[in-house]
Protein backbone atom coordinates (compact mmCIF):
# COMPACT_ATOMS: atom_id res chain seq x y z
CA UNK A 1 5.74 -5.11 29.11
CA UNK A 2 5.02 -7.30 26.12
CA UNK A 3 1.23 -6.94 26.35
CA UNK A 4 1.84 -3.10 26.44
CA UNK A 5 3.93 -3.39 23.22
CA UNK A 6 1.18 -5.44 21.51
CA UNK A 7 -1.42 -2.82 22.43
CA UNK A 8 0.53 -0.24 20.23
CA UNK A 9 0.79 -2.73 17.26
CA UNK A 10 -1.58 -2.02 14.53
CA UNK A 11 -0.98 -3.64 11.01
CA UNK A 12 -0.14 -1.36 8.24
CA UNK A 13 0.45 -2.12 4.74
CA UNK A 14 1.56 -1.23 1.96
CA UNK A 15 0.46 0.15 -1.07
CA UNK A 16 1.60 -0.41 -3.25
CA UNK A 17 1.33 -1.66 -3.00
CA UNK A 18 0.74 -6.45 -5.81
CA UNK A 19 3.22 -7.50 -3.15
CA UNK A 20 6.15 -8.45 -5.40
CA UNK A 21 8.14 -10.64 -3.15
CA UNK A 22 11.83 -11.03 -4.00
CA UNK A 23 12.37 -14.27 -2.12
CA UNK A 24 9.00 -15.96 -2.18
CA UNK A 25 6.71 -16.95 -5.08
CA UNK A 26 3.16 -15.94 -4.51
CA UNK A 27 1.22 -18.20 -1.97
CA UNK A 28 -1.98 -17.80 -3.97
CA UNK A 29 -3.09 -16.06 -7.09
CA UNK A 30 -6.49 -14.46 -7.74
CA UNK A 31 -5.27 -11.86 -10.09
CA UNK A 32 -7.31 -9.71 -12.38
CA UNK A 33 -6.55 -10.31 -15.98
CA UNK A 34 -4.16 -7.72 -17.30
CA UNK A 35 -5.70 -5.66 -20.12
CA UNK A 36 -3.24 -2.76 -20.17
CA UNK A 37 -0.30 -2.60 -22.46
CA UNK A 38 3.23 -1.05 -22.35
CA UNK A 39 2.47 0.71 -25.55
CA UNK A 40 3.27 4.52 -25.17
CA UNK A 41 5.50 6.99 -23.32
CA UNK A 42 7.39 5.80 -20.27
CA UNK A 43 7.33 7.47 -16.89
CA UNK A 44 9.48 6.48 -13.97
CA UNK A 45 8.16 6.83 -10.41
CA UNK A 46 9.81 9.66 -8.33
CA UNK A 47 10.39 7.60 -5.27
CA UNK A 48 11.09 10.59 -3.19
CA UNK A 49 7.67 12.13 -3.80
CA UNK A 50 5.67 8.90 -3.82
CA UNK A 51 4.31 7.04 -0.87
CA UNK A 52 1.60 4.77 0.47
CA UNK A 53 -0.35 6.19 3.40
CA UNK A 54 -1.85 3.65 5.91
CA UNK A 55 -4.26 3.79 9.00
CA UNK A 56 -5.07 0.98 11.30
CA UNK A 57 -7.52 0.98 14.29
CA UNK A 58 -8.76 -1.11 17.24
CA UNK A 59 -12.39 -2.29 17.64
CA UNK A 60 -14.36 -0.18 20.21
CA UNK A 61 -11.48 2.07 20.91
CA UNK A 62 -10.97 5.71 19.99
CA UNK A 63 -8.86 7.03 17.11
CA UNK A 64 -6.38 7.90 19.70
CA UNK A 65 -5.56 4.12 20.05
CA UNK A 66 -5.08 3.67 16.33
CA UNK A 67 -1.88 4.54 14.33
CA UNK A 68 -1.01 5.95 11.09
CA UNK A 69 2.10 6.15 8.81
CA UNK A 70 3.83 5.75 5.52
CA UNK A 71 5.60 3.12 3.28
CA UNK A 72 7.98 4.33 0.51
CA UNK A 73 8.47 2.90 -3.02
CA UNK A 74 11.72 1.46 -4.15
CA UNK A 75 10.66 1.51 -7.88
CA UNK A 76 7.78 1.79 -10.33
CA UNK A 77 6.66 3.03 -13.66
CA UNK A 78 3.70 4.06 -15.78
CA UNK A 79 2.86 4.19 -19.32
CA UNK A 80 0.89 7.07 -21.03
CA UNK A 81 -0.71 6.66 -24.42
CA UNK A 82 -2.48 9.33 -26.28
CA UNK A 83 -2.07 11.65 -23.27
CA UNK A 84 -3.87 9.21 -20.81
CA UNK A 85 -2.71 6.55 -18.30
CA UNK A 86 -2.39 3.25 -19.89
CA UNK A 87 -0.56 1.01 -17.30
CA UNK A 88 1.56 1.09 -14.25
CA UNK A 89 3.17 -1.01 -11.57
CA UNK A 90 4.62 0.25 -8.17
CA UNK A 91 6.87 -1.58 -5.79
CA UNK A 92 6.90 -0.63 -2.17
CA UNK A 93 9.80 -1.23 0.29
CA UNK A 94 8.17 -2.88 3.24
CA UNK A 95 11.31 -2.07 5.47
CA UNK A 96 10.41 1.56 5.10
CA UNK A 97 7.17 1.15 6.92
CA UNK A 98 6.89 3.49 9.95
CA UNK A 99 4.29 5.02 12.07
CA UNK A 100 4.01 8.79 11.65
CA UNK A 101 1.92 9.47 14.93
CA UNK A 102 4.80 8.12 17.02
CA UNK A 103 7.53 10.19 15.30
CA UNK A 104 8.06 12.24 18.66
CA UNK A 105 8.42 9.11 20.68
CA UNK A 106 11.45 7.32 19.54
CA UNK A 107 11.23 4.40 21.94
CA UNK A 108 7.61 3.54 21.06
CA UNK A 109 8.23 4.09 17.39
CA UNK A 110 11.08 1.74 17.37
CA UNK A 111 9.11 -0.92 19.19
CA UNK A 112 6.01 -0.69 16.98
CA UNK A 113 7.90 -0.53 13.73
CA UNK A 114 9.93 -3.43 14.80
CA UNK A 115 6.77 -5.53 15.72
CA UNK A 116 4.96 -4.70 12.36
CA UNK A 117 8.00 -5.86 10.31
CA UNK A 118 8.16 -9.33 12.50
CA UNK A 119 6.54 -12.38 11.81
CA UNK A 120 3.47 -11.33 13.73
CA UNK A 121 2.72 -8.91 10.94
CA UNK A 122 4.53 -8.31 7.57
CA UNK A 123 7.63 -10.47 7.84
CA UNK A 124 9.72 -8.03 6.02
CA UNK A 125 12.81 -10.17 6.03
CA UNK A 126 10.99 -12.82 4.11
CA UNK A 127 8.76 -10.54 2.17
CA UNK A 128 10.81 -7.30 1.74
CA UNK A 129 8.45 -5.73 -1.06
CA UNK A 130 4.85 -5.22 -1.82
CA UNK A 131 3.43 -3.92 -5.04
CA UNK A 132 0.31 -2.72 -6.96
CA UNK A 133 -0.05 -3.53 -10.67
CA UNK A 134 -2.68 -1.70 -12.72
CA UNK A 135 -4.72 -4.16 -14.94
CA UNK A 136 -7.30 -1.84 -16.08
CA UNK A 137 -7.80 1.94 -16.41
CA UNK A 138 -11.35 3.43 -16.72
CA UNK A 139 -12.25 7.11 -16.96
CA UNK A 140 -15.09 8.20 -14.64
CA UNK A 141 -17.23 11.21 -14.68
CA UNK A 142 -18.94 10.54 -11.41
CA UNK A 143 -17.94 11.58 -7.89
CA UNK A 144 -14.79 13.12 -6.83
CA UNK A 145 -12.33 10.90 -8.77
CA UNK A 146 -11.76 10.97 -12.49
CA UNK A 147 -10.45 7.40 -12.95
CA UNK A 148 -11.01 3.88 -11.69
CA UNK A 149 -7.98 1.75 -11.34
CA UNK A 150 -8.35 -2.10 -11.38
CA UNK A 151 -5.28 -4.00 -10.35
CA UNK A 152 -3.49 -6.68 -8.44
CA UNK A 153 -2.27 -6.24 -4.81
CA UNK A 154 0.16 -8.65 -3.38
CA UNK A 155 1.26 -8.74 0.30
CA UNK A 156 3.22 -11.41 1.91
CA UNK A 157 3.19 -13.29 -1.38
CA UNK A 158 -0.55 -13.31 -1.46
CA UNK A 159 -2.26 -11.61 -4.69
CA UNK A 160 -5.79 -10.17 -4.59
CA UNK A 161 -7.60 -7.93 -7.00
CA UNK A 162 -8.23 -4.40 -5.49
CA UNK A 163 -9.97 -1.50 -7.17
CA UNK A 164 -9.08 2.14 -6.36
CA UNK A 165 -10.91 5.36 -7.36
CA UNK A 166 -8.29 7.79 -8.17
CA UNK A 167 -7.48 11.22 -9.52
CA UNK A 168 -5.06 11.13 -12.42
CA UNK A 169 -3.29 13.78 -14.23
CA UNK A 170 -0.93 13.95 -17.02
CA UNK A 171 0.74 17.29 -17.46
CA UNK A 172 4.12 18.51 -18.96
CA UNK A 173 6.14 15.43 -18.40
CA UNK A 174 4.60 14.41 -14.96
CA UNK A 175 1.98 11.76 -14.03
CA UNK A 176 0.37 12.18 -10.63
CA UNK A 177 -2.05 9.41 -9.26
CA UNK A 178 -3.77 9.91 -5.93
CA UNK A 179 -6.05 7.24 -4.80
CA UNK A 180 -9.19 7.26 -2.45
CA UNK A 181 -8.59 5.97 0.98
CA UNK A 182 -9.35 2.34 0.65
CA UNK A 183 -10.04 -0.43 3.27
CA UNK A 184 -8.60 -3.71 2.63
CA UNK A 185 -8.91 -6.92 4.91
CA UNK A 186 -5.51 -7.63 6.40
CA UNK A 187 -6.36 -11.21 7.15
CA UNK A 188 -6.77 -11.92 3.54
CA UNK A 189 -3.20 -11.11 3.10
CA UNK A 190 -2.05 -13.40 5.95
CA UNK A 191 -1.63 -10.77 8.61
CA UNK A 192 -3.62 -12.19 11.45
CA UNK A 193 -1.99 -11.11 14.61
CA UNK A 194 -4.39 -10.02 17.53
CA UNK A 195 -3.36 -8.46 20.69
CA UNK A 196 -4.81 -9.55 23.96
CA UNK A 197 -8.59 -8.67 24.24
CA UNK A 198 -7.88 -6.49 27.25
CA UNK A 199 -5.88 -4.37 25.22
CA UNK A 200 -8.50 -3.89 22.46
CA UNK A 201 -9.12 -6.10 19.38
CA UNK A 202 -7.33 -4.78 16.23
CA UNK A 203 -9.59 -4.21 13.32
CA UNK A 204 -9.31 -6.32 10.26
CA UNK A 205 -9.61 -3.35 8.04
CA UNK A 206 -6.50 -1.33 6.99
CA UNK A 207 -6.95 1.91 5.21
CA UNK A 208 -4.53 2.42 2.28
CA UNK A 209 -4.03 5.43 0.09
CA UNK A 210 -1.55 5.59 -2.76
CA UNK A 211 0.15 8.74 -3.96
CA UNK A 212 2.31 8.44 -7.08
CA UNK A 213 4.30 11.01 -8.96
CA UNK A 214 6.17 9.75 -12.06
CA UNK A 215 8.51 11.58 -14.49
CA UNK A 216 8.84 11.25 -18.19
CA UNK A 217 11.77 9.00 -19.17
CA UNK A 218 13.88 10.86 -21.51
C-alpha cells in the first residue's frame, strides 16, 4: 500500500513562488542582485484570483501517471512606475498545495497532498511558505510574451535565480501577470524523493506557471 501511495506522489511547487520561510533562514543563497525599486504606485495581490499552477510527471510514463494542481498565495504586492511594472514579491502558502486531477477521488487526493507536504517533499510544517521576488523587469517585443522577469525563487529555504517570460498588463487599477510554463529542477531545491523504480522514476523537472492579479492600493 505504501508503494502504491508513492506511485501517486509527484512533487509540486510553488510559485511563487523566493521561498520566504517563516521558520528557517535560507540554506543557500544564489540570488540575483535586486535592481528594481519600490518607487511608484502600490498594488496588493488579490489572493482569491492569483495562484501557481504546477505539473509533475514520471520518466517513461504517460501523462496519465502525472499530476497537476495549484498553490495559492498568502500575500504579495507589486509596484508600478510610469505605467509599467517596476517590482514585485509574491508569497505562496505551501499548505494550500493540492492536486486538481484527483479532486474527484477524496481518498487518493488526501494521500497525495499529505505525502507532498511531508518530509519526503516540501516539509510544509518547517517551510510553510515559498516566494518569488522580481529583481529585474525587461520589456520584450519578441515571441508570445511582452516581458522578461528575472527574480529569486526560494523553496525549502533554498534560493535560486529563475527567469520567466510573462505577459504583463497594467490597466485601470489592476496589474495582471501571467508567466510561461517553466520547468525548474526540484532537486536543486532539496526535493529529492524517488518512488521505487517499478512504480516509475519521478522526473526532476516540475513545471510552474504563475498567475497574478493585483489591485491598486487606495
